[in-house]
């Protein structure tokens, strides 16, 4: 994308902002860090004395290099993270490309982003640019500062790491949403039998509190166990006016959970595949929820739930 006559830098940048954010988010798994990377990209673009031949290539390369540097630092912090680490939830991907809609939806799922955590920063960047967004190897090489041959090798290694376990959410969107509606109806009512029918035999329930919010001591595995935990806890939450707002979370069904004051308590993200819920992930760490609005005091809610549990329902 070269400069069109009469088009300002701001207009060029804003047209490409959704793409830049989507690249950065897939590399970083963090909404805040991706937004910061995009802002830094703008500052570098605005401060440059010359206009590039291809603004898209220049900006994509710039945001990629910034994201790689950020990820190298973030990986050290994630190694010391308390409990499971999940990406910051994304309620909508701003970059829309109908020709690549399925690939884009798959690549932004929680499951896919967790697989990308296995990769080195360079492997991850190459995989995202080439496999997800379809950049040419010449553009990928320019973005990561490696030769085209080296980028091909990086992509081979990245594919080897993720392809065997890469999720393919091929279910019809309406089918997924119908299943999610049944799931959340059963969750609200505490219908353990209905929940059990919707869960895969080896389903996992996991929570990311980061040591800053109440979370499960360990993953709960198996349809029976997960159904009983969910069917017990969430009706108690309903008794203290906790509400569920259905949302698409990282391209899959999910819900935004609010306290009685409307503040964000946590996000529930479902992995739906083959007509069953394969995983239920709760993002509870308040540091990962601020971009969604005012955040609830999860510890206070937890204490209230425990009080409700100790007294009989009327």
C-alpha atoms as a PDB file:
ATOM      1  CA  UNK A   1       0.000   0.000   0.000  1.00  0.00           C
ATOM      2  CA  UNK A   2       1.808   3.100  -1.218  1.00  0.00           C
ATOM      3  CA  UNK A   3       0.802   6.649  -0.513  1.00  0.00           C
ATOM      4  CA  UNK A   4      -2.236   7.888  -2.388  1.00  0.00           C
ATOM      5  CA  UNK A   5      -2.319  11.540  -3.433  1.00  0.00           C
ATOM      6  CA  UNK A   6      -3.824  13.715  -0.733  1.00  0.00           C
ATOM      7  CA  UNK A   7      -3.862  10.946   1.915  1.00  0.00           C
ATOM      8  CA  UNK A   8      -2.262  12.012   5.186  1.00  0.00           C
ATOM      9  CA  UNK A   9      -0.042   9.889   7.399  1.00  0.00           C
ATOM     10  CA  UNK A  10      -2.796   9.748   9.993  1.00  0.00           C
ATOM     11  CA  UNK A  11      -5.314   8.435   7.454  1.00  0.00           C
ATOM     12  CA  UNK A  12      -2.886   5.818   6.159  1.00  0.00           C
ATOM     13  CA  UNK A  13      -2.108   4.677   9.681  1.00  0.00           C
ATOM     14  CA  UNK A  14      -5.709   4.533  10.864  1.00  0.00           C
ATOM     15  CA  UNK A  15      -6.674   2.413   7.870  1.00  0.00           C
ATOM     16  CA  UNK A  16      -4.032  -0.140   8.866  1.00  0.00           C
ATOM     17  CA  UNK A  17      -4.482   0.082  12.647  1.00  0.00           C
ATOM     18  CA  UNK A  18      -6.801  -2.991  12.866  1.00  0.00           C
ATOM     19  CA  UNK A  19      -4.251  -5.136  11.020  1.00  0.00           C
ATOM     20  CA  UNK A  20      -1.377  -3.876  13.177  1.00  0.00           C
ATOM     21  CA  UNK A  21      -3.256  -4.594  16.393  1.00  0.00           C
ATOM     22  CA  UNK A  22      -4.226  -8.070  15.187  1.00  0.00           C
ATOM     23  CA  UNK A  23      -0.605  -8.918  14.342  1.00  0.00           C
ATOM     24  CA  UNK A  24       0.667  -7.609  17.683  1.00  0.00           C
ATOM     25  CA  UNK A  25      -2.037  -9.357  19.707  1.00  0.00           C
ATOM     26  CA  UNK A  26      -1.298 -12.745  18.151  1.00  0.00           C
ATOM     27  CA  UNK A  27       2.400 -12.322  18.869  1.00  0.00           C
ATOM     28  CA  UNK A  28       1.925 -11.028  22.419  1.00  0.00           C
ATOM     29  CA  UNK A  29      -1.373 -12.465  23.686  1.00  0.00           C
ATOM     30  CA  UNK A  30      -1.954  -9.184  25.512  1.00  0.00           C
ATOM     31  CA  UNK A  31      -4.433  -6.467  24.578  1.00  0.00           C
ATOM     32  CA  UNK A  32      -2.585  -3.759  26.500  1.00  0.00           C
ATOM     33  CA  UNK A  33       0.836  -4.672  25.152  1.00  0.00           C
ATOM     34  CA  UNK A  34      -0.544  -4.921  21.612  1.00  0.00           C
ATOM     35  CA  UNK A  35      -2.110  -1.461  21.887  1.00  0.00           C
ATOM     36  CA  UNK A  36       1.186  -0.074  23.206  1.00  0.00           C
ATOM     37  CA  UNK A  37       3.065  -1.688  20.299  1.00  0.00           C
ATOM     38  CA  UNK A  38       0.665  -0.091  17.826  1.00  0.00           C
ATOM     39  CA  UNK A  39       1.076   3.301  19.467  1.00  0.00           C
ATOM     40  CA  UNK A  40       4.876   2.999  19.344  1.00  0.00           C
ATOM     41  CA  UNK A  41       4.578   2.064  15.666  1.00  0.00           C
ATOM     42  CA  UNK A  42       2.636   5.249  15.029  1.00  0.00           C
ATOM     43  CA  UNK A  43       5.277   7.357  16.792  1.00  0.00           C
ATOM     44  CA  UNK A  44       8.019   5.863  14.638  1.00  0.00           C
ATOM     45  CA  UNK A  45       5.985   6.318  11.464  1.00  0.00           C
ATOM     46  CA  UNK A  46       5.045   9.884  12.342  1.00  0.00           C
ATOM     47  CA  UNK A  47       8.648  10.708  13.186  1.00  0.00           C
ATOM     48  CA  UNK A  48      10.130   9.289  10.000  1.00  0.00           C
ATOM     49  CA  UNK A  49      11.349  11.864   7.484  1.00  0.00           C
ATOM     50  CA  UNK A  50      10.543   9.784   4.402  1.00  0.00           C
ATOM     51  CA  UNK A  51       7.453   7.887   3.298  1.00  0.00           C
ATOM     52  CA  UNK A  52       7.940   4.184   2.575  1.00  0.00           C
ATOM     53  CA  UNK A  53       7.125   2.662  -0.796  1.00  0.00           C
ATOM     54  CA  UNK A  54       4.642   0.346   0.952  1.00  0.00           C
ATOM     55  CA  UNK A  55       3.107   1.739   4.102  1.00  0.00           C
ATOM     56  CA  UNK A  56       1.520  -1.624   4.924  1.00  0.00           C
ATOM     57  CA  UNK A  57       4.849  -3.469   4.734  1.00  0.00           C
ATOM     58  CA  UNK A  58       6.656  -0.769   6.704  1.00  0.00           C
ATOM     59  CA  UNK A  59       4.091  -0.597   9.506  1.00  0.00           C
ATOM     60  CA  UNK A  60       3.651  -4.374   9.705  1.00  0.00           C
ATOM     61  CA  UNK A  61       7.409  -4.834   9.967  1.00  0.00           C
ATOM     62  CA  UNK A  62       7.690  -2.101  12.600  1.00  0.00           C
ATOM     63  CA  UNK A  63       4.925  -3.446  14.839  1.00  0.00           C
ATOM     64  CA  UNK A  64       6.334  -6.977  14.479  1.00  0.00           C
ATOM     65  CA  UNK A  65       9.821  -5.937  15.593  1.00  0.00           C
ATOM     66  CA  UNK A  66       8.389  -4.014  18.551  1.00  0.00           C
ATOM     67  CA  UNK A  67       6.217  -7.002  19.536  1.00  0.00           C
ATOM     68  CA  UNK A  68       9.189  -9.398  19.326  1.00  0.00           C
ATOM     69  CA  UNK A  69      11.178  -7.202  21.733  1.00  0.00           C
ATOM     70  CA  UNK A  70       8.238  -6.967  24.135  1.00  0.00           C
ATOM     71  CA  UNK A  71       7.636 -10.721  23.988  1.00  0.00           C
ATOM     72  CA  UNK A  72      11.251 -11.505  24.861  1.00  0.00           C
ATOM     73  CA  UNK A  73      10.832  -9.526  28.060  1.00  0.00           C
ATOM     74  CA  UNK A  74       7.334 -10.870  28.756  1.00  0.00           C
ATOM     75  CA  UNK A  75       8.446 -14.508  28.520  1.00  0.00           C
ATOM     76  CA  UNK A  76      10.643 -14.030  31.590  1.00  0.00           C
ATOM     77  CA  UNK A  77       7.676 -12.692  33.574  1.00  0.00           C
ATOM     78  CA  UNK A  78       5.404 -15.503  32.370  1.00  0.00           C
ATOM     79  CA  UNK A  79       7.851 -18.137  33.590  1.00  0.00           C
ATOM     80  CA  UNK A  80       7.316 -16.810  37.130  1.00  0.00           C
ATOM     81  CA  UNK A  81       3.545 -16.436  36.721  1.00  0.00           C
ATOM     82  CA  UNK A  82       1.370 -17.853  39.507  1.00  0.00           C
ATOM     83  CA  UNK A  83      -0.811 -20.664  38.139  1.00  0.00           C
ATOM     84  CA  UNK A  84      -1.921 -21.109  34.521  1.00  0.00           C
ATOM     85  CA  UNK A  85      -1.243 -18.185  32.162  1.00  0.00           C
ATOM     86  CA  UNK A  86      -3.942 -17.307  29.616  1.00  0.00           C
ATOM     87  CA  UNK A  87      -3.964 -14.540  26.998  1.00  0.00           C
ATOM     88  CA  UNK A  88      -5.902 -11.395  27.774  1.00  0.00           C
ATOM     89  CA  UNK A  89      -9.429 -11.984  26.464  1.00  0.00           C
ATOM     90  CA  UNK A  90     -10.359 -10.341  23.184  1.00  0.00           C
ATOM     91  CA  UNK A  91     -14.072  -9.784  22.604  1.00  0.00           C
ATOM     92  CA  UNK A  92     -13.712  -8.784  18.959  1.00  0.00           C
ATOM     93  CA  UNK A  93     -10.862  -8.905  16.470  1.00  0.00           C
ATOM     94  CA  UNK A  94     -10.748  -5.525  14.690  1.00  0.00           C
ATOM     95  CA  UNK A  95      -9.174  -6.909  11.514  1.00  0.00           C
ATOM     96  CA  UNK A  96     -11.752  -8.374   9.164  1.00  0.00           C
ATOM     97  CA  UNK A  97     -10.778 -10.206   5.997  1.00  0.00           C
ATOM     98  CA  UNK A  98     -13.617 -12.348   4.613  1.00  0.00           C
ATOM     99  CA  UNK A  99     -11.202 -14.362   2.466  1.00  0.00           C
ATOM    100  CA  UNK A 100      -9.295 -15.477   5.559  1.00  0.00           C
ATOM    101  CA  UNK A 101     -12.133 -15.438   8.109  1.00  0.00           C
ATOM    102  CA  UNK A 102     -11.700 -19.072   9.222  1.00  0.00           C
ATOM    103  CA  UNK A 103      -7.926 -18.820   9.604  1.00  0.00           C
ATOM    104  CA  UNK A 104      -8.206 -15.566  11.525  1.00  0.00           C
ATOM    105  CA  UNK A 105     -10.822 -16.981  13.900  1.00  0.00           C
ATOM    106  CA  UNK A 106      -8.786 -20.135  14.537  1.00  0.00           C
ATOM    107  CA  UNK A 107      -5.571 -18.217  15.149  1.00  0.00           C
ATOM    108  CA  UNK A 108      -7.034 -15.945  17.811  1.00  0.00           C
ATOM    109  CA  UNK A 109      -8.640 -18.672  19.960  1.00  0.00           C
ATOM    110  CA  UNK A 110      -7.316 -19.222  23.465  1.00  0.00           C
ATOM    111  CA  UNK A 111      -6.216 -22.728  22.494  1.00  0.00           C
ATOM    112  CA  UNK A 112      -4.274 -21.488  19.466  1.00  0.00           C
ATOM    113  CA  UNK A 113      -2.577 -18.662  21.371  1.00  0.00           C
ATOM    114  CA  UNK A 114      -1.522 -21.078  24.094  1.00  0.00           C
ATOM    115  CA  UNK A 115       0.062 -23.292  21.448  1.00  0.00           C
ATOM    116  CA  UNK A 116       1.974 -20.278  20.140  1.00  0.00           C
ATOM    117  CA  UNK A 117       3.469 -19.877  23.615  1.00  0.00           C
ATOM    118  CA  UNK A 118       5.615 -22.929  22.778  1.00  0.00           C
ATOM    119  CA  UNK A 119       7.440 -20.980  20.087  1.00  0.00           C
ATOM    120  CA  UNK A 120      10.411 -18.659  20.328  1.00  0.00           C
ATOM    121  CA  UNK A 121       9.580 -14.985  19.663  1.00  0.00           C
ATOM    122  CA  UNK A 122      11.059 -15.206  16.148  1.00  0.00           C
ATOM    123  CA  UNK A 123       9.197 -18.433  15.338  1.00  0.00           C
ATOM    124  CA  UNK A 124       5.979 -16.941  16.613  1.00  0.00           C
ATOM    125  CA  UNK A 125       6.345 -13.760  14.565  1.00  0.00           C
ATOM    126  CA  UNK A 126       7.170 -15.682  11.378  1.00  0.00           C
ATOM    127  CA  UNK A 127       4.250 -18.058  11.948  1.00  0.00           C
ATOM    128  CA  UNK A 128       1.800 -15.203  12.528  1.00  0.00           C
ATOM    129  CA  UNK A 129       2.894 -13.146   9.530  1.00  0.00           C
ATOM    130  CA  UNK A 130       3.107 -16.035   7.075  1.00  0.00           C
ATOM    131  CA  UNK A 131       0.602 -18.625   8.296  1.00  0.00           C
ATOM    132  CA  UNK A 132      -2.108 -16.311   9.597  1.00  0.00           C
ATOM    133  CA  UNK A 133      -1.858 -13.154   7.508  1.00  0.00           C
ATOM    134  CA  UNK A 134      -0.311 -14.558   4.351  1.00  0.00           C
ATOM    135  CA  UNK A 135       2.646 -12.178   4.047  1.00  0.00           C
ATOM    136  CA  UNK A 136       5.246 -13.046   1.437  1.00  0.00           C
ATOM    137  CA  UNK A 137       8.562 -14.423   2.643  1.00  0.00           C
ATOM    138  CA  UNK A 138      10.285 -11.244   1.459  1.00  0.00           C
ATOM    139  CA  UNK A 139       8.034  -9.191   3.775  1.00  0.00           C
ATOM    140  CA  UNK A 140       8.451 -11.649   6.650  1.00  0.00           C
ATOM    141  CA  UNK A 141      12.234 -11.570   6.262  1.00  0.00           C
ATOM    142  CA  UNK A 142      12.274  -7.769   6.305  1.00  0.00           C
ATOM    143  CA  UNK A 143      10.039  -7.709   9.398  1.00  0.00           C
ATOM    144  CA  UNK A 144      12.125 -10.081  11.545  1.00  0.00           C
ATOM    145  CA  UNK A 145      15.561  -9.179  10.197  1.00  0.00           C
ATOM    146  CA  UNK A 146      16.432 -12.629   8.871  1.00  0.00           C
ATOM    147  CA  UNK A 147      16.999 -14.052   5.398  1.00  0.00           C
ATOM    148  CA  UNK A 148      14.133 -15.623   3.487  1.00  0.00           C
ATOM    149  CA  UNK A 149      15.817 -19.020   3.827  1.00  0.00           C
ATOM    150  CA  UNK A 150      16.100 -18.585   7.595  1.00  0.00           C
ATOM    151  CA  UNK A 151      12.432 -17.576   7.766  1.00  0.00           C
ATOM    152  CA  UNK A 152      11.414 -20.705   5.890  1.00  0.00           C
ATOM    153  CA  UNK A 153      13.286 -22.794   8.445  1.00  0.00           C
ATOM    154  CA  UNK A 154      11.700 -20.870  11.315  1.00  0.00           C
ATOM    155  CA  UNK A 155       8.271 -21.537   9.818  1.00  0.00           C
ATOM    156  CA  UNK A 156       8.999 -25.260   9.423  1.00  0.00           C
ATOM    157  CA  UNK A 157       9.964 -25.478  13.100  1.00  0.00           C
ATOM    158  CA  UNK A 158       6.933 -23.441  14.173  1.00  0.00           C
ATOM    159  CA  UNK A 159       4.546 -25.628  12.185  1.00  0.00           C
ATOM    160  CA  UNK A 160       6.109 -28.741  13.669  1.00  0.00           C
ATOM    161  CA  UNK A 161       5.484 -27.407  17.186  1.00  0.00           C
ATOM    162  CA  UNK A 162       1.860 -26.407  16.711  1.00  0.00           C
ATOM    163  CA  UNK A 163       0.256 -28.278  13.824  1.00  0.00           C
ATOM    164  CA  UNK A 164      -0.177 -31.642  15.538  1.00  0.00           C
ATOM    165  CA  UNK A 165      -2.221 -30.052  18.337  1.00  0.00           C
ATOM    166  CA  UNK A 166      -3.609 -27.078  16.440  1.00  0.00           C
ATOM    167  CA  UNK A 167      -7.360 -26.761  16.977  1.00  0.00           C
ATOM    168  CA  UNK A 168      -9.663 -26.541  13.979  1.00  0.00           C
ATOM    169  CA  UNK A 169     -12.971 -25.087  15.102  1.00  0.00           C
ATOM    170  CA  UNK A 170     -14.951 -26.128  12.062  1.00  0.00           C
ATOM    171  CA  UNK A 171     -18.360 -26.254  13.730  1.00  0.00           C
ATOM    172  CA  UNK A 172     -20.987 -23.957  12.271  1.00  0.00           C
ATOM    173  CA  UNK A 173     -21.066 -20.651  14.161  1.00  0.00           C
ATOM    174  CA  UNK A 174     -24.793 -20.934  14.859  1.00  0.00           C
ATOM    175  CA  UNK A 175     -24.286 -24.474  16.131  1.00  0.00           C
ATOM    176  CA  UNK A 176     -21.559 -23.257  18.496  1.00  0.00           C
ATOM    177  CA  UNK A 177     -23.746 -20.456  19.794  1.00  0.00           C
ATOM    178  CA  UNK A 178     -26.703 -22.781  20.349  1.00  0.00           C
ATOM    179  CA  UNK A 179     -24.494 -25.122  22.357  1.00  0.00           C
ATOM    180  CA  UNK A 180     -23.141 -22.169  24.348  1.00  0.00           C
ATOM    181  CA  UNK A 181     -26.688 -20.983  25.095  1.00  0.00           C
ATOM    182  CA  UNK A 182     -27.568 -24.419  26.458  1.00  0.00           C
ATOM    183  CA  UNK A 183     -24.334 -24.450  28.463  1.00  0.00           C
ATOM    184  CA  UNK A 184     -24.947 -21.090  30.144  1.00  0.00           C
ATOM    185  CA  UNK A 185     -28.624 -21.916  30.798  1.00  0.00           C
ATOM    186  CA  UNK A 186     -27.515 -25.090  32.571  1.00  0.00           C
ATOM    187  CA  UNK A 187     -24.813 -23.130  34.416  1.00  0.00           C
ATOM    188  CA  UNK A 188     -27.270 -20.588  35.792  1.00  0.00           C
ATOM    189  CA  UNK A 189     -29.699 -23.251  36.984  1.00  0.00           C
ATOM    190  CA  UNK A 190     -27.043 -25.623  38.317  1.00  0.00           C
ATOM    191  CA  UNK A 191     -28.300 -28.457  36.125  1.00  0.00           C
ATOM    192  CA  UNK A 192     -25.423 -30.903  36.522  1.00  0.00           C
ATOM    193  CA  UNK A 193     -26.958 -33.516  34.212  1.00  0.00           C
ATOM    194  CA  UNK A 194     -27.420 -30.991  31.382  1.00  0.00           C
ATOM    195  CA  UNK A 195     -23.887 -29.723  31.843  1.00  0.00           C
ATOM    196  CA  UNK A 196     -22.464 -33.231  31.779  1.00  0.00           C
ATOM    197  CA  UNK A 197     -24.111 -33.912  28.417  1.00  0.00           C
ATOM    198  CA  UNK A 198     -22.472 -30.847  26.878  1.00  0.00           C
ATOM    199  CA  UNK A 199     -18.950 -31.559  28.122  1.00  0.00           C
ATOM    200  CA  UNK A 200     -16.321 -33.709  26.412  1.00  0.00           C
ATOM    201  CA  UNK A 201     -15.208 -36.718  28.451  1.00  0.00           C
ATOM    202  CA  UNK A 202     -11.753 -35.200  29.032  1.00  0.00           C
ATOM    203  CA  UNK A 203     -12.907 -31.577  29.409  1.00  0.00           C
ATOM    204  CA  UNK A 204     -10.767 -29.295  31.571  1.00  0.00           C
ATOM    205  CA  UNK A 205     -11.795 -26.393  33.812  1.00  0.00           C
ATOM    206  CA  UNK A 206      -8.949 -23.956  34.458  1.00  0.00           C
ATOM    207  CA  UNK A 207      -8.621 -20.485  35.973  1.00  0.00           C
ATOM    208  CA  UNK A 208      -6.072 -17.707  35.534  1.00  0.00           C
ATOM    209  CA  UNK A 209      -5.938 -15.518  38.632  1.00  0.00           C
ATOM    210  CA  UNK A 210      -2.222 -14.800  38.526  1.00  0.00           C
ATOM    211  CA  UNK A 211      -2.120 -14.806  42.321  1.00  0.00           C
ATOM    212  CA  UNK A 212      -4.244 -11.639  42.289  1.00  0.00           C
ATOM    213  CA  UNK A 213      -7.709 -13.210  42.462  1.00  0.00           C
ATOM    214  CA  UNK A 214      -9.281 -16.440  43.773  1.00  0.00           C
ATOM    215  CA  UNK A 215      -8.601 -19.335  41.431  1.00  0.00           C
ATOM    216  CA  UNK A 216      -8.739 -23.108  41.328  1.00  0.00           C
ATOM    217  CA  UNK A 217      -5.872 -24.787  43.128  1.00  0.00           C
ATOM    218  CA  UNK A 218      -5.481 -27.069  40.124  1.00  0.00           C
ATOM    219  CA  UNK A 219      -7.245 -27.947  36.892  1.00  0.00           C
ATOM    220  CA  UNK A 220     -10.493 -29.902  37.202  1.00  0.00           C
ATOM    221  CA  UNK A 221     -10.648 -32.695  34.614  1.00  0.00           C
ATOM    222  CA  UNK A 222     -13.447 -34.929  33.363  1.00  0.00           C
ATOM    223  CA  UNK A 223     -17.091 -34.271  32.510  1.00  0.00           C
ATOM    224  CA  UNK A 224     -18.450 -35.484  35.851  1.00  0.00           C
ATOM    225  CA  UNK A 225     -16.046 -33.420  37.969  1.00  0.00           C
ATOM    226  CA  UNK A 226     -16.335 -30.261  35.893  1.00  0.00           C
ATOM    227  CA  UNK A 227     -20.141 -30.470  35.757  1.00  0.00           C
ATOM    228  CA  UNK A 228     -20.350 -30.800  39.538  1.00  0.00           C
ATOM    229  CA  UNK A 229     -17.995 -27.889  40.224  1.00  0.00           C
ATOM    230  CA  UNK A 230     -19.753 -25.590  37.759  1.00  0.00           C
ATOM    231  CA  UNK A 231     -23.205 -26.742  38.810  1.00  0.00           C
ATOM    232  CA  UNK A 232     -22.402 -25.953  42.445  1.00  0.00           C
ATOM    233  CA  UNK A 233     -20.545 -22.641  42.230  1.00  0.00           C
ATOM    234  CA  UNK A 234     -22.445 -20.660  39.610  1.00  0.00           C
ATOM    235  CA  UNK A 235     -25.953 -20.945  41.124  1.00  0.00           C
ATOM    236  CA  UNK A 236     -24.416 -19.560  44.342  1.00  0.00           C
ATOM    237  CA  UNK A 237     -23.056 -16.653  42.340  1.00  0.00           C
ATOM    238  CA  UNK A 238     -26.530 -16.078  40.925  1.00  0.00           C
ATOM    239  CA  UNK A 239     -27.843 -15.679  44.467  1.00  0.00           C
ATOM    240  CA  UNK A 240     -25.603 -12.619  44.918  1.00  0.00           C
ATOM    241  CA  UNK A 241     -26.709 -11.046  41.605  1.00  0.00           C
ATOM    242  CA  UNK A 242     -23.750 -12.161  39.496  1.00  0.00           C
ATOM    243  CA  UNK A 243     -24.780 -11.951  35.834  1.00  0.00           C
ATOM    244  CA  UNK A 244     -23.572 -13.506  32.565  1.00  0.00           C
ATOM    245  CA  UNK A 245     -23.387 -11.609  29.290  1.00  0.00           C
ATOM    246  CA  UNK A 246     -22.866 -13.959  26.335  1.00  0.00           C
ATOM    247  CA  UNK A 247     -19.981 -12.797  24.149  1.00  0.00           C
ATOM    248  CA  UNK A 248     -17.690 -14.221  21.545  1.00  0.00           C
ATOM    249  CA  UNK A 249     -14.340 -14.499  23.314  1.00  0.00           C
ATOM    250  CA  UNK A 250     -11.286 -14.959  21.117  1.00  0.00           C
ATOM    251  CA  UNK A 251     -13.470 -16.246  18.302  1.00  0.00           C
ATOM    252  CA  UNK A 252     -15.213 -18.864  20.440  1.00  0.00           C
ATOM    253  CA  UNK A 253     -18.348 -18.748  22.610  1.00  0.00           C
ATOM    254  CA  UNK A 254     -17.956 -17.266  26.055  1.00  0.00           C
ATOM    255  CA  UNK A 255     -19.372 -14.829  28.562  1.00  0.00           C
ATOM    256  CA  UNK A 256     -18.487 -11.687  30.430  1.00  0.00           C
ATOM    257  CA  UNK A 257     -19.343 -12.145  34.109  1.00  0.00           C
ATOM    258  CA  UNK A 258     -20.316  -9.059  36.143  1.00  0.00           C
ATOM    259  CA  UNK A 259     -20.942  -8.402  39.809  1.00  0.00           C
ATOM    260  CA  UNK A 260     -24.108  -6.755  41.118  1.00  0.00           C
ATOM    261  CA  UNK A 261     -22.651  -3.311  40.370  1.00  0.00           C
ATOM    262  CA  UNK A 262     -21.956  -4.189  36.753  1.00  0.00           C
ATOM    263  CA  UNK A 263     -18.195  -4.427  37.209  1.00  0.00           C
ATOM    264  CA  UNK A 264     -16.239  -7.096  35.342  1.00  0.00           C
ATOM    265  CA  UNK A 265     -15.606 -10.113  37.569  1.00  0.00           C
ATOM    266  CA  UNK A 266     -14.122 -12.470  35.014  1.00  0.00           C
ATOM    267  CA  UNK A 267     -14.348 -13.840  31.508  1.00  0.00           C
ATOM    268  CA  UNK A 268     -15.413 -17.376  30.669  1.00  0.00           C
ATOM    269  CA  UNK A 269     -14.051 -18.736  27.394  1.00  0.00           C
ATOM    270  CA  UNK A 270     -15.198 -22.053  25.936  1.00  0.00           C
ATOM    271  CA  UNK A 271     -13.398 -24.287  23.461  1.00  0.00           C
ATOM    272  CA  UNK A 272     -16.207 -25.873  21.429  1.00  0.00           C
ATOM    273  CA  UNK A 273     -15.290 -28.670  19.056  1.00  0.00           C
ATOM    274  CA  UNK A 274     -17.215 -31.638  17.650  1.00  0.00           C
ATOM    275  CA  UNK A 275     -20.417 -30.514  19.349  1.00  0.00           C
ATOM    276  CA  UNK A 276     -18.951 -30.529  22.861  1.00  0.00           C
ATOM    277  CA  UNK A 277     -17.183 -28.168  25.238  1.00  0.00           C
ATOM    278  CA  UNK A 278     -13.540 -29.254  25.304  1.00  0.00           C
ATOM    279  CA  UNK A 279     -12.284 -26.671  27.809  1.00  0.00           C
ATOM    280  CA  UNK A 280     -13.653 -23.959  30.086  1.00  0.00           C
ATOM    281  CA  UNK A 281     -11.195 -21.183  30.885  1.00  0.00           C
ATOM    282  CA  UNK A 282     -11.844 -18.438  33.411  1.00  0.00           C
ATOM    283  CA  UNK A 283      -9.700 -15.308  33.169  1.00  0.00           C
ATOM    284  CA  UNK A 284      -9.922 -13.780  36.651  1.00  0.00           C
ATOM    285  CA  UNK A 285      -6.660 -11.828  36.979  1.00  0.00           C
ATOM    286  CA  UNK A 286      -7.808  -8.184  37.273  1.00  0.00           C
ATOM    287  CA  UNK A 287      -4.729  -7.010  35.350  1.00  0.00           C
ATOM    288  CA  UNK A 288      -6.126  -8.804  32.270  1.00  0.00           C
ATOM    289  CA  UNK A 289      -9.639  -7.375  32.504  1.00  0.00           C
ATOM    290  CA  UNK A 290      -9.168  -3.603  32.742  1.00  0.00           C
ATOM    291  CA  UNK A 291      -9.623  -3.066  28.996  1.00  0.00           C
ATOM    292  CA  UNK A 292     -13.183  -4.401  29.355  1.00  0.00           C
ATOM    293  CA  UNK A 293     -14.307  -1.812  31.921  1.00  0.00           C
ATOM    294  CA  UNK A 294     -14.219  -1.260  35.695  1.00  0.00           C
ATOM    295  CA  UNK A 295     -13.072  -4.449  37.441  1.00  0.00           C
ATOM    296  CA  UNK A 296     -14.832  -6.039  40.415  1.00  0.00           C
ATOM    297  CA  UNK A 297     -13.175  -7.006  43.688  1.00  0.00           C
ATOM    298  CA  UNK A 298     -12.965 -10.771  43.126  1.00  0.00           C
ATOM    299  CA  UNK A 299     -11.829 -11.451  46.696  1.00  0.00           C
ATOM    300  CA  UNK A 300     -14.913  -9.693  48.111  1.00  0.00           C
ATOM    301  CA  UNK A 301     -17.175 -11.647  45.756  1.00  0.00           C
ATOM    302  CA  UNK A 302     -15.466 -14.884  46.790  1.00  0.00           C
ATOM    303  CA  UNK A 303     -16.121 -14.127  50.471  1.00  0.00           C
ATOM    304  CA  UNK A 304     -19.763 -13.398  49.726  1.00  0.00           C
ATOM    305  CA  UNK A 305     -20.167 -16.639  47.780  1.00  0.00           C
ATOM    306  CA  UNK A 306     -18.725 -18.573  50.723  1.00  0.00           C
ATOM    307  CA  UNK A 307     -21.180 -16.874  53.101  1.00  0.00           C
ATOM    308  CA  UNK A 308     -24.077 -17.789  50.806  1.00  0.00           C
ATOM    309  CA  UNK A 309     -22.851 -21.386  50.648  1.00  0.00           C
ATOM    310  CA  UNK A 310     -22.895 -21.663  54.451  1.00  0.00           C
ATOM    311  CA  UNK A 311     -26.499 -20.521  54.801  1.00  0.00           C
ATOM    312  CA  UNK A 312     -29.418 -22.487  53.354  1.00  0.00           C
ATOM    313  CA  UNK A 313     -31.288 -21.119  50.348  1.00  0.00           C
ATOM    314  CA  UNK A 314     -34.919 -20.143  50.857  1.00  0.00           C
END
